[in-house]
């Protein structure tokens, strides 16, 4: 009528610690490869782009101003936004550089091309 009861050993502290550390390390590792590493890569590319700006390049600032670089210093650029209108811009505010002669990227159309039936 009474079943045999078997004594079980209490879980060790290592098992409890291991059950918390392994998932935490996995989550941190996944976050590093999905979020931190790509952001660092984009930051390095942006810094290289800013360092390569030279006179004659067409730049787009983070405020959306499009102009041609007429003078480049270590920290500032002089950008001509209209004929005879020049403004000083901090290098870090440049969001895009278009090299001389480069056409702006055409907007991608989501509509299907006409004539294909």
PDB file of N, CA and C in Angstrom:
ATOM      1  N   UNK A   1       0.793  -1.165   0.000  1.00  0.00           N
ATOM      2  CA  UNK A   1       0.000   0.000   0.000  1.00  0.00           C
ATOM      3  C   UNK A   1       0.859   1.262   0.000  1.00  0.00           C
ATOM      4  N   UNK A   2       1.881   1.281   0.733  1.00  0.00           N
ATOM      5  CA  UNK A   2       2.791   2.425   0.746  1.00  0.00           C
ATOM      6  C   UNK A   2       3.889   2.164  -0.275  1.00  0.00           C
ATOM      7  N   UNK A   3       4.032   3.107  -1.166  1.00  0.00           N
ATOM      8  CA  UNK A   3       5.077   2.982  -2.181  1.00  0.00           C
ATOM      9  C   UNK A   3       6.416   3.378  -1.577  1.00  0.00           C
ATOM     10  N   UNK A   4       7.423   2.845  -2.186  1.00  0.00           N
ATOM     11  CA  UNK A   4       8.763   3.175  -1.718  1.00  0.00           C
ATOM     12  C   UNK A   4       9.116   4.593  -2.153  1.00  0.00           C
ATOM     13  N   UNK A   5       9.672   5.315  -1.237  1.00  0.00           N
ATOM     14  CA  UNK A   5      10.085   6.689  -1.516  1.00  0.00           C
ATOM     15  C   UNK A   5      11.599   6.692  -1.613  1.00  0.00           C
ATOM     16  N   UNK A   6      12.086   7.228  -2.709  1.00  0.00           N
ATOM     17  CA  UNK A   6      13.533   7.272  -2.897  1.00  0.00           C
ATOM     18  C   UNK A   6      14.031   8.678  -2.614  1.00  0.00           C
ATOM     19  N   UNK A   7      15.090   8.747  -1.918  1.00  0.00           N
ATOM     20  CA  UNK A   7      15.683  10.049  -1.588  1.00  0.00           C
ATOM     21  C   UNK A   7      16.453  10.562  -2.795  1.00  0.00           C
ATOM     22  N   UNK A   8      16.277  11.818  -3.062  1.00  0.00           N
ATOM     23  CA  UNK A   8      17.008  12.432  -4.161  1.00  0.00           C
ATOM     24  C   UNK A   8      17.988  13.432  -3.594  1.00  0.00           C
ATOM     25  N   UNK A   9      19.104  13.532  -4.287  1.00  0.00           N
ATOM     26  CA  UNK A   9      20.116  14.483  -3.837  1.00  0.00           C
ATOM     27  C   UNK A   9      19.640  15.904  -4.185  1.00  0.00           C
ATOM     28  N   UNK A  10      19.933  16.820  -3.307  1.00  0.00           N
ATOM     29  CA  UNK A  10      19.561  18.216  -3.545  1.00  0.00           C
ATOM     30  C   UNK A  10      20.403  18.758  -4.700  1.00  0.00           C
ATOM     31  N   UNK A  11      19.823  19.600  -5.525  1.00  0.00           N
ATOM     32  CA  UNK A  11      20.607  20.158  -6.627  1.00  0.00           C
ATOM     33  C   UNK A  11      21.768  20.984  -6.076  1.00  0.00           C
ATOM     34  N   UNK A  12      22.879  20.840  -6.734  1.00  0.00           N
ATOM     35  CA  UNK A  12      24.060  21.561  -6.251  1.00  0.00           C
ATOM     36  C   UNK A  12      23.994  23.018  -6.675  1.00  0.00           C
ATOM     37  N   UNK A  13      24.808  23.834  -6.042  1.00  0.00           N
ATOM     38  CA  UNK A  13      24.855  25.260  -6.366  1.00  0.00           C
ATOM     39  C   UNK A  13      25.351  25.454  -7.792  1.00  0.00           C
ATOM     40  N   UNK A  14      26.207  24.581  -8.273  1.00  0.00           N
ATOM     41  CA  UNK A  14      26.739  24.696  -9.637  1.00  0.00           C
ATOM     42  C   UNK A  14      25.630  24.531 -10.667  1.00  0.00           C
ATOM     43  N   UNK A  15      24.701  23.629 -10.428  1.00  0.00           N
ATOM     44  CA  UNK A  15      23.587  23.422 -11.357  1.00  0.00           C
ATOM     45  C   UNK A  15      22.700  24.671 -11.444  1.00  0.00           C
ATOM     46  N   UNK A  16      22.412  25.266 -10.317  1.00  0.00           N
ATOM     47  CA  UNK A  16      21.585  26.475 -10.311  1.00  0.00           C
ATOM     48  C   UNK A  16      22.305  27.624 -11.006  1.00  0.00           C
ATOM     49  N   UNK A  17      23.591  27.773 -10.730  1.00  0.00           N
ATOM     50  CA  UNK A  17      24.377  28.842 -11.340  1.00  0.00           C
ATOM     51  C   UNK A  17      24.508  28.608 -12.840  1.00  0.00           C
ATOM     52  N   UNK A  18      24.733  27.372 -13.213  1.00  0.00           N
ATOM     53  CA  UNK A  18      24.887  27.023 -14.623  1.00  0.00           C
ATOM     54  C   UNK A  18      23.593  27.288 -15.391  1.00  0.00           C
ATOM     55  N   UNK A  19      22.464  27.045 -14.780  1.00  0.00           N
ATOM     56  CA  UNK A  19      21.189  27.257 -15.461  1.00  0.00           C
ATOM     57  C   UNK A  19      20.907  28.752 -15.678  1.00  0.00           C
ATOM     58  N   UNK A  20      21.569  29.627 -14.951  1.00  0.00           N
ATOM     59  CA  UNK A  20      21.388  31.069 -15.136  1.00  0.00           C
ATOM     60  C   UNK A  20      22.443  31.664 -16.068  1.00  0.00           C
ATOM     61  N   UNK A  21      23.657  31.180 -15.982  1.00  0.00           N
ATOM     62  CA  UNK A  21      24.757  31.780 -16.742  1.00  0.00           C
ATOM     63  C   UNK A  21      24.679  31.439 -18.224  1.00  0.00           C
ATOM     64  N   UNK A  22      24.411  30.213 -18.562  1.00  0.00           N
ATOM     65  CA  UNK A  22      24.416  29.802 -19.968  1.00  0.00           C
ATOM     66  C   UNK A  22      23.400  30.586 -20.796  1.00  0.00           C
ATOM     67  N   UNK A  23      22.139  30.702 -20.383  1.00  0.00           N
ATOM     68  CA  UNK A  23      21.207  31.497 -21.193  1.00  0.00           C
ATOM     69  C   UNK A  23      21.597  32.982 -21.270  1.00  0.00           C
ATOM     70  N   UNK A  24      22.118  33.506 -20.176  1.00  0.00           N
ATOM     71  CA  UNK A  24      22.535  34.909 -20.174  1.00  0.00           C
ATOM     72  C   UNK A  24      23.659  35.144 -21.159  1.00  0.00           C
ATOM     73  N   UNK A  25      24.647  34.265 -21.179  1.00  0.00           N
ATOM     74  CA  UNK A  25      25.761  34.395 -22.122  1.00  0.00           C
ATOM     75  C   UNK A  25      25.265  34.251 -23.552  1.00  0.00           C
ATOM     76  N   UNK A  26      24.344  33.334 -23.799  1.00  0.00           N
ATOM     77  CA  UNK A  26      23.786  33.175 -25.138  1.00  0.00           C
ATOM     78  C   UNK A  26      23.034  34.426 -25.602  1.00  0.00           C
ATOM     79  N   UNK A  27      22.251  35.023 -24.726  1.00  0.00           N
ATOM     80  CA  UNK A  27      21.507  36.232 -25.083  1.00  0.00           C
ATOM     81  C   UNK A  27      22.452  37.382 -25.384  1.00  0.00           C
ATOM     82  N   UNK A  28      23.487  37.549 -24.573  1.00  0.00           N
ATOM     83  CA  UNK A  28      24.462  38.612 -24.807  1.00  0.00           C
ATOM     84  C   UNK A  28      25.202  38.374 -26.119  1.00  0.00           C
ATOM     85  N   UNK A  29      25.558  37.131 -26.399  1.00  0.00           N
ATOM     86  CA  UNK A  29      26.239  36.812 -27.656  1.00  0.00           C
ATOM     87  C   UNK A  29      25.376  37.101 -28.870  1.00  0.00           C
ATOM     88  N   UNK A  30      24.118  36.746 -28.801  1.00  0.00           N
ATOM     89  CA  UNK A  30      23.201  37.006 -29.914  1.00  0.00           C
ATOM     90  C   UNK A  30      23.019  38.507 -30.113  1.00  0.00           C
ATOM     91  N   UNK A  31      22.872  39.257 -29.030  1.00  0.00           N
ATOM     92  CA  UNK A  31      22.722  40.705 -29.132  1.00  0.00           C
ATOM     93  C   UNK A  31      23.963  41.339 -29.747  1.00  0.00           C
ATOM     94  N   UNK A  32      25.131  40.834 -29.391  1.00  0.00           N
ATOM     95  CA  UNK A  32      26.370  41.384 -29.946  1.00  0.00           C
ATOM     96  C   UNK A  32      26.397  41.223 -31.455  1.00  0.00           C
ATOM     97  N   UNK A  33      26.093  40.031 -31.942  1.00  0.00           N
ATOM     98  CA  UNK A  33      26.187  39.783 -33.375  1.00  0.00           C
ATOM     99  C   UNK A  33      25.035  40.404 -34.168  1.00  0.00           C
ATOM    100  N   UNK A  34      23.879  40.617 -33.547  1.00  0.00           N
ATOM    101  CA  UNK A  34      22.752  41.191 -34.274  1.00  0.00           C
ATOM    102  C   UNK A  34      22.646  42.705 -34.158  1.00  0.00           C
ATOM    103  N   UNK A  35      23.180  43.296 -33.086  1.00  0.00           N
ATOM    104  CA  UNK A  35      22.982  44.721 -32.881  1.00  0.00           C
ATOM    105  C   UNK A  35      24.290  45.511 -32.786  1.00  0.00           C
ATOM    106  N   UNK A  36      25.178  45.114 -31.936  1.00  0.00           N
ATOM    107  CA  UNK A  36      26.366  45.919 -31.654  1.00  0.00           C
ATOM    108  C   UNK A  36      27.360  45.866 -32.805  1.00  0.00           C
ATOM    109  N   UNK A  37      27.656  44.703 -33.313  1.00  0.00           N
ATOM    110  CA  UNK A  37      28.661  44.561 -34.372  1.00  0.00           C
ATOM    111  C   UNK A  37      28.275  45.287 -35.661  1.00  0.00           C
ATOM    112  N   UNK A  38      27.048  45.148 -36.167  1.00  0.00           N
ATOM    113  CA  UNK A  38      26.679  45.908 -37.371  1.00  0.00           C
ATOM    114  C   UNK A  38      26.739  47.420 -37.164  1.00  0.00           C
ATOM    115  N   UNK A  39      26.361  47.895 -35.966  1.00  0.00           N
ATOM    116  CA  UNK A  39      26.423  49.326 -35.681  1.00  0.00           C
ATOM    117  C   UNK A  39      27.861  49.821 -35.702  1.00  0.00           C
ATOM    118  N   UNK A  40      28.789  49.053 -35.148  1.00  0.00           N
ATOM    119  CA  UNK A  40      30.200  49.432 -35.167  1.00  0.00           C
ATOM    120  C   UNK A  40      30.724  49.466 -36.595  1.00  0.00           C
ATOM    121  N   UNK A  41      30.280  48.535 -37.432  1.00  0.00           N
ATOM    122  CA  UNK A  41      30.713  48.500 -38.824  1.00  0.00           C
ATOM    123  C   UNK A  41      30.228  49.743 -39.568  1.00  0.00           C
ATOM    124  N   UNK A  42      28.950  50.113 -39.369  1.00  0.00           N
ATOM    125  CA  UNK A  42      28.419  51.318 -40.012  1.00  0.00           C
ATOM    126  C   UNK A  42      29.154  52.562 -39.532  1.00  0.00           C
ATOM    127  N   UNK A  43      29.496  52.622 -38.253  1.00  0.00           N
ATOM    128  CA  UNK A  43      30.212  53.766 -37.700  1.00  0.00           C
ATOM    129  C   UNK A  43      31.593  53.903 -38.334  1.00  0.00           C
ATOM    130  N   UNK A  44      32.302  52.793 -38.502  1.00  0.00           N
ATOM    131  CA  UNK A  44      33.620  52.832 -39.134  1.00  0.00           C
ATOM    132  C   UNK A  44      33.519  53.278 -40.591  1.00  0.00           C
ATOM    133  N   UNK A  45      32.520  52.783 -41.318  1.00  0.00           N
ATOM    134  CA  UNK A  45      32.328  53.190 -42.708  1.00  0.00           C
ATOM    135  C   UNK A  45      32.021  54.678 -42.801  1.00  0.00           C
ATOM    136  N   UNK A  46      31.197  55.199 -41.886  1.00  0.00           N
ATOM    137  CA  UNK A  46      30.857  56.622 -41.883  1.00  0.00           C
ATOM    138  C   UNK A  46      32.088  57.467 -41.583  1.00  0.00           C
ATOM    139  N   UNK A  47      32.906  57.047 -40.624  1.00  0.00           N
ATOM    140  CA  UNK A  47      34.117  57.794 -40.298  1.00  0.00           C
ATOM    141  C   UNK A  47      35.088  57.801 -41.471  1.00  0.00           C
ATOM    142  N   UNK A  48      35.215  56.681 -42.166  1.00  0.00           N
ATOM    143  CA  UNK A  48      36.096  56.620 -43.337  1.00  0.00           C
ATOM    144  C   UNK A  48      35.567  57.521 -44.445  1.00  0.00           C
ATOM    145  N   UNK A  49      34.247  57.548 -44.623  1.00  0.00           N
ATOM    146  CA  UNK A  49      33.641  58.400 -45.645  1.00  0.00           C
ATOM    147  C   UNK A  49      33.896  59.873 -45.333  1.00  0.00           C
ATOM    148  N   UNK A  50      33.740  60.256 -44.082  1.00  0.00           N
ATOM    149  CA  UNK A  50      33.946  61.647 -43.682  1.00  0.00           C
ATOM    150  C   UNK A  50      35.415  62.042 -43.834  1.00  0.00           C
ATOM    151  N   UNK A  51      36.316  61.138 -43.497  1.00  0.00           N
ATOM    152  CA  UNK A  51      37.750  61.447 -43.610  1.00  0.00           C
ATOM    153  C   UNK A  51      38.177  61.597 -45.061  1.00  0.00           C
ATOM    154  N   UNK A  52      37.451  60.975 -45.984  1.00  0.00           N
ATOM    155  CA  UNK A  52      37.834  61.006 -47.397  1.00  0.00           C
ATOM    156  C   UNK A  52      37.230  62.180 -48.166  1.00  0.00           C
ATOM    157  N   UNK A  53      36.481  63.040 -47.501  1.00  0.00           N
ATOM    158  CA  UNK A  53      35.867  64.177 -48.195  1.00  0.00           C
ATOM    159  C   UNK A  53      36.961  65.132 -48.657  1.00  0.00           C
ATOM    160  N   UNK A  54      36.843  65.541 -49.913  1.00  0.00           N
ATOM    161  CA  UNK A  54      37.828  66.482 -50.463  1.00  0.00           C
ATOM    162  C   UNK A  54      37.102  67.566 -51.253  1.00  0.00           C
ATOM    163  N   UNK A  55      37.842  68.552 -51.671  1.00  0.00           N
ATOM    164  CA  UNK A  55      37.288  69.668 -52.430  1.00  0.00           C
ATOM    165  C   UNK A  55      36.694  69.145 -53.746  1.00  0.00           C
ATOM    166  N   UNK A  56      35.500  69.605 -54.065  1.00  0.00           N
ATOM    167  CA  UNK A  56      34.841  69.197 -55.294  1.00  0.00           C
ATOM    168  C   UNK A  56      33.790  68.122 -55.099  1.00  0.00           C
ATOM    169  N   UNK A  57      33.781  67.452 -53.952  1.00  0.00           N
ATOM    170  CA  UNK A  57      32.771  66.428 -53.687  1.00  0.00           C
ATOM    171  C   UNK A  57      31.419  67.090 -53.402  1.00  0.00           C
ATOM    172  N   UNK A  58      30.365  66.413 -53.767  1.00  0.00           N
ATOM    173  CA  UNK A  58      29.025  66.860 -53.431  1.00  0.00           C
ATOM    174  C   UNK A  58      28.594  66.105 -52.186  1.00  0.00           C
ATOM    175  N   UNK A  59      28.122  66.858 -51.188  1.00  0.00           N
ATOM    176  CA  UNK A  59      27.753  66.239 -49.917  1.00  0.00           C
ATOM    177  C   UNK A  59      26.305  66.549 -49.577  1.00  0.00           C
ATOM    178  N   UNK A  60      25.730  65.682 -48.766  1.00  0.00           N
ATOM    179  CA  UNK A  60      24.397  65.883 -48.218  1.00  0.00           C
ATOM    180  C   UNK A  60      24.553  65.902 -46.705  1.00  0.00           C
ATOM    181  N   UNK A  61      24.097  66.977 -46.066  1.00  0.00           N
ATOM    182  CA  UNK A  61      24.210  67.059 -44.612  1.00  0.00           C
ATOM    183  C   UNK A  61      23.049  66.315 -43.962  1.00  0.00           C
ATOM    184  N   UNK A  62      23.144  66.127 -42.655  1.00  0.00           N
ATOM    185  CA  UNK A  62      22.065  65.438 -41.948  1.00  0.00           C
ATOM    186  C   UNK A  62      20.789  66.266 -41.941  1.00  0.00           C
ATOM    187  N   UNK A  63      20.905  67.566 -42.196  1.00  0.00           N
ATOM    188  CA  UNK A  63      19.732  68.425 -42.295  1.00  0.00           C
ATOM    189  C   UNK A  63      19.098  68.412 -43.672  1.00  0.00           C
ATOM    190  N   UNK A  64      19.736  67.712 -44.626  1.00  0.00           N
ATOM    191  CA  UNK A  64      19.183  67.588 -45.959  1.00  0.00           C
ATOM    192  C   UNK A  64      19.710  68.614 -46.952  1.00  0.00           C
ATOM    193  N   UNK A  65      20.703  69.408 -46.554  1.00  0.00           N
ATOM    194  CA  UNK A  65      21.263  70.413 -47.451  1.00  0.00           C
ATOM    195  C   UNK A  65      22.251  69.743 -48.383  1.00  0.00           C
ATOM    196  N   UNK A  66      22.106  70.004 -49.665  1.00  0.00           N
ATOM    197  CA  UNK A  66      22.950  69.435 -50.697  1.00  0.00           C
ATOM    198  C   UNK A  66      23.852  70.538 -51.223  1.00  0.00           C
ATOM    199  N   UNK A  67      25.160  70.279 -51.282  1.00  0.00           N
ATOM    200  CA  UNK A  67      26.078  71.296 -51.759  1.00  0.00           C
ATOM    201  C   UNK A  67      27.410  70.709 -52.173  1.00  0.00           C
ATOM    202  N   UNK A  68      28.237  71.584 -52.738  1.00  0.00           N
ATOM    203  CA  UNK A  68      29.550  71.185 -53.241  1.00  0.00           C
ATOM    204  C   UNK A  68      30.610  71.731 -52.291  1.00  0.00           C
ATOM    205  N   UNK A  69      31.565  70.889 -51.915  1.00  0.00           N
ATOM    206  CA  UNK A  69      32.622  71.282 -50.987  1.00  0.00           C
ATOM    207  C   UNK A  69      33.600  72.202 -51.719  1.00  0.00           C
ATOM    208  N   UNK A  70      33.803  73.397 -51.147  1.00  0.00           N
ATOM    209  CA  UNK A  70      34.758  74.336 -51.735  1.00  0.00           C
ATOM    210  C   UNK A  70      36.028  74.435 -50.914  1.00  0.00           C
ATOM    211  N   UNK A  71      35.959  74.083 -49.636  1.00  0.00           N
ATOM    212  CA  UNK A  71      37.129  74.131 -48.764  1.00  0.00           C
ATOM    213  C   UNK A  71      36.961  73.070 -47.683  1.00  0.00           C
ATOM    214  N   UNK A  72      38.016  72.309 -47.434  1.00  0.00           N
ATOM    215  CA  UNK A  72      37.936  71.243 -46.432  1.00  0.00           C
ATOM    216  C   UNK A  72      39.035  71.429 -45.390  1.00  0.00           C
ATOM    217  N   UNK A  73      38.634  71.602 -44.128  1.00  0.00           N
ATOM    218  CA  UNK A  73      39.566  71.665 -43.004  1.00  0.00           C
ATOM    219  C   UNK A  73      39.481  70.350 -42.238  1.00  0.00           C
ATOM    220  N   UNK A  74      40.191  70.299 -41.105  1.00  0.00           N
ATOM    221  CA  UNK A  74      40.176  69.081 -40.295  1.00  0.00           C
ATOM    222  C   UNK A  74      38.805  68.803 -39.690  1.00  0.00           C
ATOM    223  N   UNK A  75      38.140  69.860 -39.216  1.00  0.00           N
ATOM    224  CA  UNK A  75      36.864  69.651 -38.528  1.00  0.00           C
ATOM    225  C   UNK A  75      35.680  70.259 -39.256  1.00  0.00           C
ATOM    226  N   UNK A  76      35.926  71.192 -40.178  1.00  0.00           N
ATOM    227  CA  UNK A  76      34.830  71.873 -40.853  1.00  0.00           C
ATOM    228  C   UNK A  76      34.979  71.808 -42.365  1.00  0.00           C
ATOM    229  N   UNK A  77      33.855  71.960 -43.036  1.00  0.00           N
ATOM    230  CA  UNK A  77      33.828  72.029 -44.495  1.00  0.00           C
ATOM    231  C   UNK A  77      33.119  73.318 -44.885  1.00  0.00           C
ATOM    232  N   UNK A  78      33.581  73.918 -45.973  1.00  0.00           N
ATOM    233  CA  UNK A  78      32.843  75.045 -46.534  1.00  0.00           C
ATOM    234  C   UNK A  78      32.093  74.490 -47.740  1.00  0.00           C
ATOM    235  N   UNK A  79      30.768  74.597 -47.706  1.00  0.00           N
ATOM    236  CA  UNK A  79      29.923  73.991 -48.724  1.00  0.00           C
ATOM    237  C   UNK A  79      29.168  75.093 -49.461  1.00  0.00           C
ATOM    238  N   UNK A  80      29.228  75.043 -50.772  1.00  0.00           N
ATOM    239  CA  UNK A  80      28.481  75.997 -51.595  1.00  0.00           C
ATOM    240  C   UNK A  80      27.137  75.369 -51.928  1.00  0.00           C
ATOM    241  N   UNK A  81      26.060  75.966 -51.384  1.00  0.00           N
ATOM    242  CA  UNK A  81      24.732  75.399 -51.565  1.00  0.00           C
ATOM    243  C   UNK A  81      23.982  76.060 -52.713  1.00  0.00           C
ATOM    244  N   UNK A  82      24.421  77.226 -53.116  1.00  0.00           N
ATOM    245  CA  UNK A  82      23.886  77.920 -54.287  1.00  0.00           C
ATOM    246  C   UNK A  82      25.014  78.789 -54.814  1.00  0.00           C
ATOM    247  N   UNK A  83      24.854  79.328 -55.995  1.00  0.00           N
ATOM    248  CA  UNK A  83      25.917  80.131 -56.571  1.00  0.00           C
ATOM    249  C   UNK A  83      26.163  81.355 -55.691  1.00  0.00           C
ATOM    250  N   UNK A  84      27.375  81.416 -55.133  1.00  0.00           N
ATOM    251  CA  UNK A  84      27.758  82.535 -54.279  1.00  0.00           C
ATOM    252  C   UNK A  84      27.326  82.392 -52.831  1.00  0.00           C
ATOM    253  N   UNK A  85      26.633  81.307 -52.469  1.00  0.00           N
ATOM    254  CA  UNK A  85      26.187  81.095 -51.093  1.00  0.00           C
ATOM    255  C   UNK A  85      26.981  79.942 -50.499  1.00  0.00           C
ATOM    256  N   UNK A  86      27.819  80.280 -49.515  1.00  0.00           N
ATOM    257  CA  UNK A  86      28.661  79.247 -48.891  1.00  0.00           C
ATOM    258  C   UNK A  86      28.374  79.197 -47.403  1.00  0.00           C
ATOM    259  N   UNK A  87      28.293  77.986 -46.883  1.00  0.00           N
ATOM    260  CA  UNK A  87      28.065  77.783 -45.452  1.00  0.00           C
ATOM    261  C   UNK A  87      29.148  76.875 -44.901  1.00  0.00           C
ATOM    262  N   UNK A  88      29.436  77.057 -43.603  1.00  0.00           N
ATOM    263  CA  UNK A  88      30.387  76.170 -42.932  1.00  0.00           C
ATOM    264  C   UNK A  88      29.596  75.047 -42.270  1.00  0.00           C
ATOM    265  N   UNK A  89      30.090  73.837 -42.442  1.00  0.00           N
ATOM    266  CA  UNK A  89      29.414  72.654 -41.910  1.00  0.00           C
ATOM    267  C   UNK A  89      30.443  71.825 -41.157  1.00  0.00           C
ATOM    268  N   UNK A  90      30.050  71.286 -40.019  1.00  0.00           N
ATOM    269  CA  UNK A  90      30.915  70.381 -39.277  1.00  0.00           C
ATOM    270  C   UNK A  90      30.961  69.053 -40.017  1.00  0.00           C
ATOM    271  N   UNK A  91      32.141  68.456 -40.127  1.00  0.00           N
ATOM    272  CA  UNK A  91      32.302  67.207 -40.892  1.00  0.00           C
ATOM    273  C   UNK A  91      31.363  66.101 -40.413  1.00  0.00           C
ATOM    274  N   UNK A  92      31.144  66.025 -39.121  1.00  0.00           N
ATOM    275  CA  UNK A  92      30.327  64.950 -38.566  1.00  0.00           C
ATOM    276  C   UNK A  92      28.864  65.005 -38.971  1.00  0.00           C
ATOM    277  N   UNK A  93      28.401  66.159 -39.477  1.00  0.00           N
ATOM    278  CA  UNK A  93      26.998  66.269 -39.858  1.00  0.00           C
ATOM    279  C   UNK A  93      26.747  65.828 -41.295  1.00  0.00           C
ATOM    280  N   UNK A  94      27.788  65.423 -42.001  1.00  0.00           N
ATOM    281  CA  UNK A  94      27.616  64.954 -43.375  1.00  0.00           C
ATOM    282  C   UNK A  94      27.072  63.526 -43.332  1.00  0.00           C
ATOM    283  N   UNK A  95      25.958  63.302 -44.036  1.00  0.00           N
ATOM    284  CA  UNK A  95      25.359  61.973 -44.018  1.00  0.00           C
ATOM    285  C   UNK A  95      25.649  61.182 -45.287  1.00  0.00           C
ATOM    286  N   UNK A  96      26.004  61.881 -46.374  1.00  0.00           N
ATOM    287  CA  UNK A  96      26.259  61.186 -47.633  1.00  0.00           C
ATOM    288  C   UNK A  96      27.250  61.996 -48.447  1.00  0.00           C
ATOM    289  N   UNK A  97      28.122  61.305 -49.165  1.00  0.00           N
ATOM    290  CA  UNK A  97      29.079  61.959 -50.051  1.00  0.00           C
ATOM    291  C   UNK A  97      28.859  61.431 -51.452  1.00  0.00           C
ATOM    292  N   UNK A  98      28.710  62.350 -52.383  1.00  0.00           N
ATOM    293  CA  UNK A  98      28.584  61.981 -53.789  1.00  0.00           C
ATOM    294  C   UNK A  98      29.808  62.532 -54.493  1.00  0.00           C
ATOM    295  N   UNK A  99      30.571  61.659 -55.110  1.00  0.00           N
ATOM    296  CA  UNK A  99      31.797  62.043 -55.781  1.00  0.00           C
ATOM    297  C   UNK A  99      31.446  62.823 -57.044  1.00  0.00           C
ATOM    298  N   UNK A 100      32.391  63.628 -57.528  1.00  0.00           N
ATOM    299  CA  UNK A 100      32.153  64.421 -58.732  1.00  0.00           C
ATOM    300  C   UNK A 100      31.605  63.555 -59.859  1.00  0.00           C
ATOM    301  N   UNK A 101      30.559  64.020 -60.507  1.00  0.00           N
ATOM    302  CA  UNK A 101      30.003  63.330 -61.651  1.00  0.00           C
ATOM    303  C   UNK A 101      29.056  62.190 -61.313  1.00  0.00           C
ATOM    304  N   UNK A 102      28.899  61.884 -60.058  1.00  0.00           N
ATOM    305  CA  UNK A 102      28.016  60.780 -59.674  1.00  0.00           C
ATOM    306  C   UNK A 102      26.576  61.275 -59.617  1.00  0.00           C
ATOM    307  N   UNK A 103      25.703  60.576 -60.291  1.00  0.00           N
ATOM    308  CA  UNK A 103      24.294  60.954 -60.304  1.00  0.00           C
ATOM    309  C   UNK A 103      23.628  60.472 -59.026  1.00  0.00           C
ATOM    310  N   UNK A 104      22.615  61.188 -58.555  1.00  0.00           N
ATOM    311  CA  UNK A 104      21.911  60.710 -57.365  1.00  0.00           C
ATOM    312  C   UNK A 104      21.180  59.407 -57.656  1.00  0.00           C
ATOM    313  N   UNK A 105      21.020  58.603 -56.638  1.00  0.00           N
ATOM    314  CA  UNK A 105      20.361  57.312 -56.809  1.00  0.00           C
ATOM    315  C   UNK A 105      18.901  57.533 -57.195  1.00  0.00           C
ATOM    316  N   UNK A 106      18.464  56.812 -58.217  1.00  0.00           N
ATOM    317  CA  UNK A 106      17.080  56.926 -58.671  1.00  0.00           C
ATOM    318  C   UNK A 106      16.168  56.210 -57.692  1.00  0.00           C
ATOM    319  N   UNK A 107      15.007  56.781 -57.399  1.00  0.00           N
ATOM    320  CA  UNK A 107      14.085  56.095 -56.489  1.00  0.00           C
ATOM    321  C   UNK A 107      13.598  54.801 -57.110  1.00  0.00           C
ATOM    322  N   UNK A 108      13.488  53.784 -56.283  1.00  0.00           N
ATOM    323  CA  UNK A 108      13.048  52.473 -56.773  1.00  0.00           C
ATOM    324  C   UNK A 108      11.532  52.470 -56.894  1.00  0.00           C
ATOM    325  N   UNK A 109      11.062  52.050 -58.039  1.00  0.00           N
ATOM    326  CA  UNK A 109       9.635  51.986 -58.297  1.00  0.00           C
ATOM    327  C   UNK A 109       9.103  50.624 -57.886  1.00  0.00           C
ATOM    328  N   UNK A 110       7.980  50.604 -57.201  1.00  0.00           N
ATOM    329  CA  UNK A 110       7.397  49.338 -56.769  1.00  0.00           C
ATOM    330  C   UNK A 110       6.404  48.812 -57.796  1.00  0.00           C
ATOM    331  N   UNK A 111       6.055  49.626 -58.764  1.00  0.00           N
ATOM    332  CA  UNK A 111       5.086  49.213 -59.783  1.00  0.00           C
ATOM    333  C   UNK A 111       5.764  48.294 -60.794  1.00  0.00           C
ATOM    334  N   UNK A 112       4.992  47.390 -61.349  1.00  0.00           N
ATOM    335  CA  UNK A 112       5.511  46.463 -62.357  1.00  0.00           C
ATOM    336  C   UNK A 112       5.766  47.242 -63.641  1.00  0.00           C
ATOM    337  N   UNK A 113       6.803  46.858 -64.409  1.00  0.00           N
ATOM    338  CA  UNK A 113       7.069  47.550 -65.661  1.00  0.00           C
ATOM    339  C   UNK A 113       5.925  47.356 -66.640  1.00  0.00           C
ATOM    340  N   UNK A 114       5.659  48.432 -67.401  1.00  0.00           N
ATOM    341  CA  UNK A 114       4.555  48.388 -68.350  1.00  0.00           C
ATOM    342  C   UNK A 114       4.972  47.605 -69.594  1.00  0.00           C
ATOM    343  N   UNK A 115       4.012  47.029 -70.278  1.00  0.00           N
ATOM    344  CA  UNK A 115       4.276  46.313 -71.521  1.00  0.00           C
ATOM    345  C   UNK A 115       4.520  44.827 -71.306  1.00  0.00           C
ATOM    346  N   UNK A 116       4.687  44.388 -70.073  1.00  0.00           N
ATOM    347  CA  UNK A 116       4.869  42.951 -69.804  1.00  0.00           C
ATOM    348  C   UNK A 116       3.513  42.335 -69.509  1.00  0.00           C
ATOM    349  N   UNK A 117       3.042  41.529 -70.419  1.00  0.00           N
ATOM    350  CA  UNK A 117       1.739  40.882 -70.205  1.00  0.00           C
ATOM    351  C   UNK A 117       1.855  39.413 -70.353  1.00  0.00           C
TER     352      UNK A 117
END
